[in-house]
């Protein structure tokens, strides 16, 4: 999460918003956000339901592993454009955000 915080100003310049999702309870999320001085919201989701709702997880087997680090980019139309498990690749994320910004400017 702290990596996203460090490049959050770039996300904002590209009209992107970060939403952190954690299986932790709300109180733990509040403390975590304060500890890292996060400037973006954290949601609490005890199941992977939010991932299913946005199409980031499959509804049929093979089901995803337990909730782990995953970066999902959803465009302005609500379409999932990027999914990556593990540590974020910020260069890859910013490159895609630049592409999406250009794509939506042209429309």
C-alpha atoms as a PDB file:
ATOM      1  CA  UNK A   1       0.000   0.000   0.000  1.00  0.00           C
ATOM      2  CA  UNK A   2       2.813   2.402   0.762  1.00  0.00           C
ATOM      3  CA  UNK A   3       4.082   2.013  -2.813  1.00  0.00           C
ATOM      4  CA  UNK A   4       0.724   3.160  -4.149  1.00  0.00           C
ATOM      5  CA  UNK A   5       0.865   6.074  -1.728  1.00  0.00           C
ATOM      6  CA  UNK A   6       4.267   7.137  -3.086  1.00  0.00           C
ATOM      7  CA  UNK A   7       2.950   7.326  -6.670  1.00  0.00           C
ATOM      8  CA  UNK A   8      -0.582   8.449  -5.791  1.00  0.00           C
ATOM      9  CA  UNK A   9       0.116  11.951  -7.123  1.00  0.00           C
ATOM     10  CA  UNK A  10       0.844  10.401 -10.532  1.00  0.00           C
ATOM     11  CA  UNK A  11      -2.349   8.348 -10.392  1.00  0.00           C
ATOM     12  CA  UNK A  12      -4.306  11.518  -9.644  1.00  0.00           C
ATOM     13  CA  UNK A  13      -2.723  13.346 -12.595  1.00  0.00           C
ATOM     14  CA  UNK A  14      -3.917  10.470 -14.781  1.00  0.00           C
ATOM     15  CA  UNK A  15      -7.450  10.678 -13.346  1.00  0.00           C
ATOM     16  CA  UNK A  16      -7.049   7.369 -11.504  1.00  0.00           C
ATOM     17  CA  UNK A  17      -8.092   6.655  -7.934  1.00  0.00           C
ATOM     18  CA  UNK A  18      -6.747   4.032  -5.562  1.00  0.00           C
ATOM     19  CA  UNK A  19      -9.014   1.959  -3.362  1.00  0.00           C
ATOM     20  CA  UNK A  20      -7.291  -0.466  -1.039  1.00  0.00           C
ATOM     21  CA  UNK A  21      -9.287  -3.555  -0.117  1.00  0.00           C
ATOM     22  CA  UNK A  22      -8.354  -5.604   2.920  1.00  0.00           C
ATOM     23  CA  UNK A  23      -9.824  -8.552   4.791  1.00  0.00           C
ATOM     24  CA  UNK A  24      -9.042  -6.740   8.037  1.00  0.00           C
ATOM     25  CA  UNK A  25     -11.821  -5.210  10.112  1.00  0.00           C
ATOM     26  CA  UNK A  26     -12.615  -1.510   9.819  1.00  0.00           C
ATOM     27  CA  UNK A  27     -10.749  -0.519  13.006  1.00  0.00           C
ATOM     28  CA  UNK A  28      -7.579  -2.266  11.858  1.00  0.00           C
ATOM     29  CA  UNK A  29      -7.838  -0.564   8.460  1.00  0.00           C
ATOM     30  CA  UNK A  30      -8.145   2.845  10.110  1.00  0.00           C
ATOM     31  CA  UNK A  31      -5.008   2.228  12.199  1.00  0.00           C
ATOM     32  CA  UNK A  32      -3.124   0.849   9.181  1.00  0.00           C
ATOM     33  CA  UNK A  33      -4.065   3.874   7.043  1.00  0.00           C
ATOM     34  CA  UNK A  34      -2.941   6.255   9.793  1.00  0.00           C
ATOM     35  CA  UNK A  35       0.319   4.348  10.330  1.00  0.00           C
ATOM     36  CA  UNK A  36       1.219   4.641   6.616  1.00  0.00           C
ATOM     37  CA  UNK A  37      -0.352   8.114   6.210  1.00  0.00           C
ATOM     38  CA  UNK A  38      -2.444   6.812   3.324  1.00  0.00           C
ATOM     39  CA  UNK A  39      -4.345   9.437   1.369  1.00  0.00           C
ATOM     40  CA  UNK A  40      -6.685   6.986  -0.337  1.00  0.00           C
ATOM     41  CA  UNK A  41      -9.542   4.952   1.128  1.00  0.00           C
ATOM     42  CA  UNK A  42      -9.325   1.398   2.425  1.00  0.00           C
ATOM     43  CA  UNK A  43     -12.356  -0.851   2.225  1.00  0.00           C
ATOM     44  CA  UNK A  44     -12.927  -3.814   4.484  1.00  0.00           C
ATOM     45  CA  UNK A  45     -14.079  -7.001   2.744  1.00  0.00           C
ATOM     46  CA  UNK A  46     -13.974 -10.250   4.687  1.00  0.00           C
ATOM     47  CA  UNK A  47     -14.633 -12.317   1.548  1.00  0.00           C
ATOM     48  CA  UNK A  48     -13.580 -12.097  -2.086  1.00  0.00           C
ATOM     49  CA  UNK A  49     -17.087 -10.903  -3.018  1.00  0.00           C
ATOM     50  CA  UNK A  50     -15.901  -7.465  -4.144  1.00  0.00           C
ATOM     51  CA  UNK A  51     -13.554  -9.188  -6.588  1.00  0.00           C
ATOM     52  CA  UNK A  52     -16.388 -11.279  -7.979  1.00  0.00           C
ATOM     53  CA  UNK A  53     -18.663  -8.231  -8.276  1.00  0.00           C
ATOM     54  CA  UNK A  54     -16.108  -6.428 -10.451  1.00  0.00           C
ATOM     55  CA  UNK A  55     -15.101  -9.443 -12.504  1.00  0.00           C
ATOM     56  CA  UNK A  56     -11.635  -9.656 -10.980  1.00  0.00           C
ATOM     57  CA  UNK A  57     -12.280 -13.215  -9.782  1.00  0.00           C
ATOM     58  CA  UNK A  58     -13.868 -16.163 -11.527  1.00  0.00           C
ATOM     59  CA  UNK A  59     -17.330 -17.374 -10.527  1.00  0.00           C
ATOM     60  CA  UNK A  60     -16.420 -20.957 -11.438  1.00  0.00           C
ATOM     61  CA  UNK A  61     -13.474 -23.222 -10.607  1.00  0.00           C
ATOM     62  CA  UNK A  62     -10.600 -22.795 -10.460  1.00  0.00           C
ATOM     63  CA  UNK A  63     -11.392 -20.324  -7.709  1.00  0.00           C
ATOM     64  CA  UNK A  64      -8.781 -17.752  -6.745  1.00  0.00           C
ATOM     65  CA  UNK A  65      -6.437 -18.336  -3.855  1.00  0.00           C
ATOM     66  CA  UNK A  66      -7.244 -16.797  -0.540  1.00  0.00           C
ATOM     67  CA  UNK A  67      -7.256 -13.013  -0.598  1.00  0.00           C
ATOM     68  CA  UNK A  68      -3.724 -11.911  -1.469  1.00  0.00           C
ATOM     69  CA  UNK A  69      -2.077  -8.877  -3.042  1.00  0.00           C
ATOM     70  CA  UNK A  70      -3.761  -8.123  -6.330  1.00  0.00           C
ATOM     71  CA  UNK A  71      -3.857  -4.963  -8.424  1.00  0.00           C
ATOM     72  CA  UNK A  72      -6.977  -4.430 -10.501  1.00  0.00           C
ATOM     73  CA  UNK A  73      -7.529  -1.478 -12.826  1.00  0.00           C
ATOM     74  CA  UNK A  74     -11.124  -0.724 -13.759  1.00  0.00           C
ATOM     75  CA  UNK A  75     -11.675   1.839 -16.499  1.00  0.00           C
ATOM     76  CA  UNK A  76     -14.231   4.658 -16.540  1.00  0.00           C
ATOM     77  CA  UNK A  77     -16.803   2.354 -18.119  1.00  0.00           C
ATOM     78  CA  UNK A  78     -16.417  -0.180 -15.298  1.00  0.00           C
ATOM     79  CA  UNK A  79     -14.457  -2.673 -17.397  1.00  0.00           C
ATOM     80  CA  UNK A  80     -11.589  -4.552 -15.752  1.00  0.00           C
ATOM     81  CA  UNK A  81      -8.524  -3.676 -17.835  1.00  0.00           C
ATOM     82  CA  UNK A  82      -5.691  -5.070 -15.721  1.00  0.00           C
ATOM     83  CA  UNK A  83      -5.207  -7.762 -13.090  1.00  0.00           C
ATOM     84  CA  UNK A  84      -1.876  -8.654 -11.550  1.00  0.00           C
ATOM     85  CA  UNK A  85      -1.186 -10.787  -8.506  1.00  0.00           C
ATOM     86  CA  UNK A  86       1.667 -10.118  -6.124  1.00  0.00           C
ATOM     87  CA  UNK A  87       3.655  -6.936  -5.733  1.00  0.00           C
ATOM     88  CA  UNK A  88       2.578  -4.050  -7.954  1.00  0.00           C
ATOM     89  CA  UNK A  89       4.589  -3.231 -11.070  1.00  0.00           C
ATOM     90  CA  UNK A  90       4.280   0.559 -10.982  1.00  0.00           C
ATOM     91  CA  UNK A  91       5.838   1.105 -14.411  1.00  0.00           C
ATOM     92  CA  UNK A  92       3.308  -1.281 -15.944  1.00  0.00           C
ATOM     93  CA  UNK A  93       0.434   0.371 -14.053  1.00  0.00           C
ATOM     94  CA  UNK A  94       1.435   3.906 -15.037  1.00  0.00           C
ATOM     95  CA  UNK A  95       1.943   2.872 -18.675  1.00  0.00           C
ATOM     96  CA  UNK A  96      -1.578   1.445 -18.793  1.00  0.00           C
ATOM     97  CA  UNK A  97      -3.036   4.516 -17.073  1.00  0.00           C
ATOM     98  CA  UNK A  98      -1.363   6.754 -19.668  1.00  0.00           C
ATOM     99  CA  UNK A  99      -2.849   4.615 -22.431  1.00  0.00           C
ATOM    100  CA  UNK A 100      -6.323   4.722 -20.869  1.00  0.00           C
ATOM    101  CA  UNK A 101      -6.130   8.489 -20.383  1.00  0.00           C
ATOM    102  CA  UNK A 102      -5.306   8.952 -24.071  1.00  0.00           C
ATOM    103  CA  UNK A 103      -8.052   6.513 -25.044  1.00  0.00           C
ATOM    104  CA  UNK A 104     -10.703   8.374 -23.066  1.00  0.00           C
ATOM    105  CA  UNK A 105      -9.495  11.813 -24.186  1.00  0.00           C
ATOM    106  CA  UNK A 106     -10.175  10.801 -27.772  1.00  0.00           C
ATOM    107  CA  UNK A 107     -13.833  10.000 -27.014  1.00  0.00           C
END
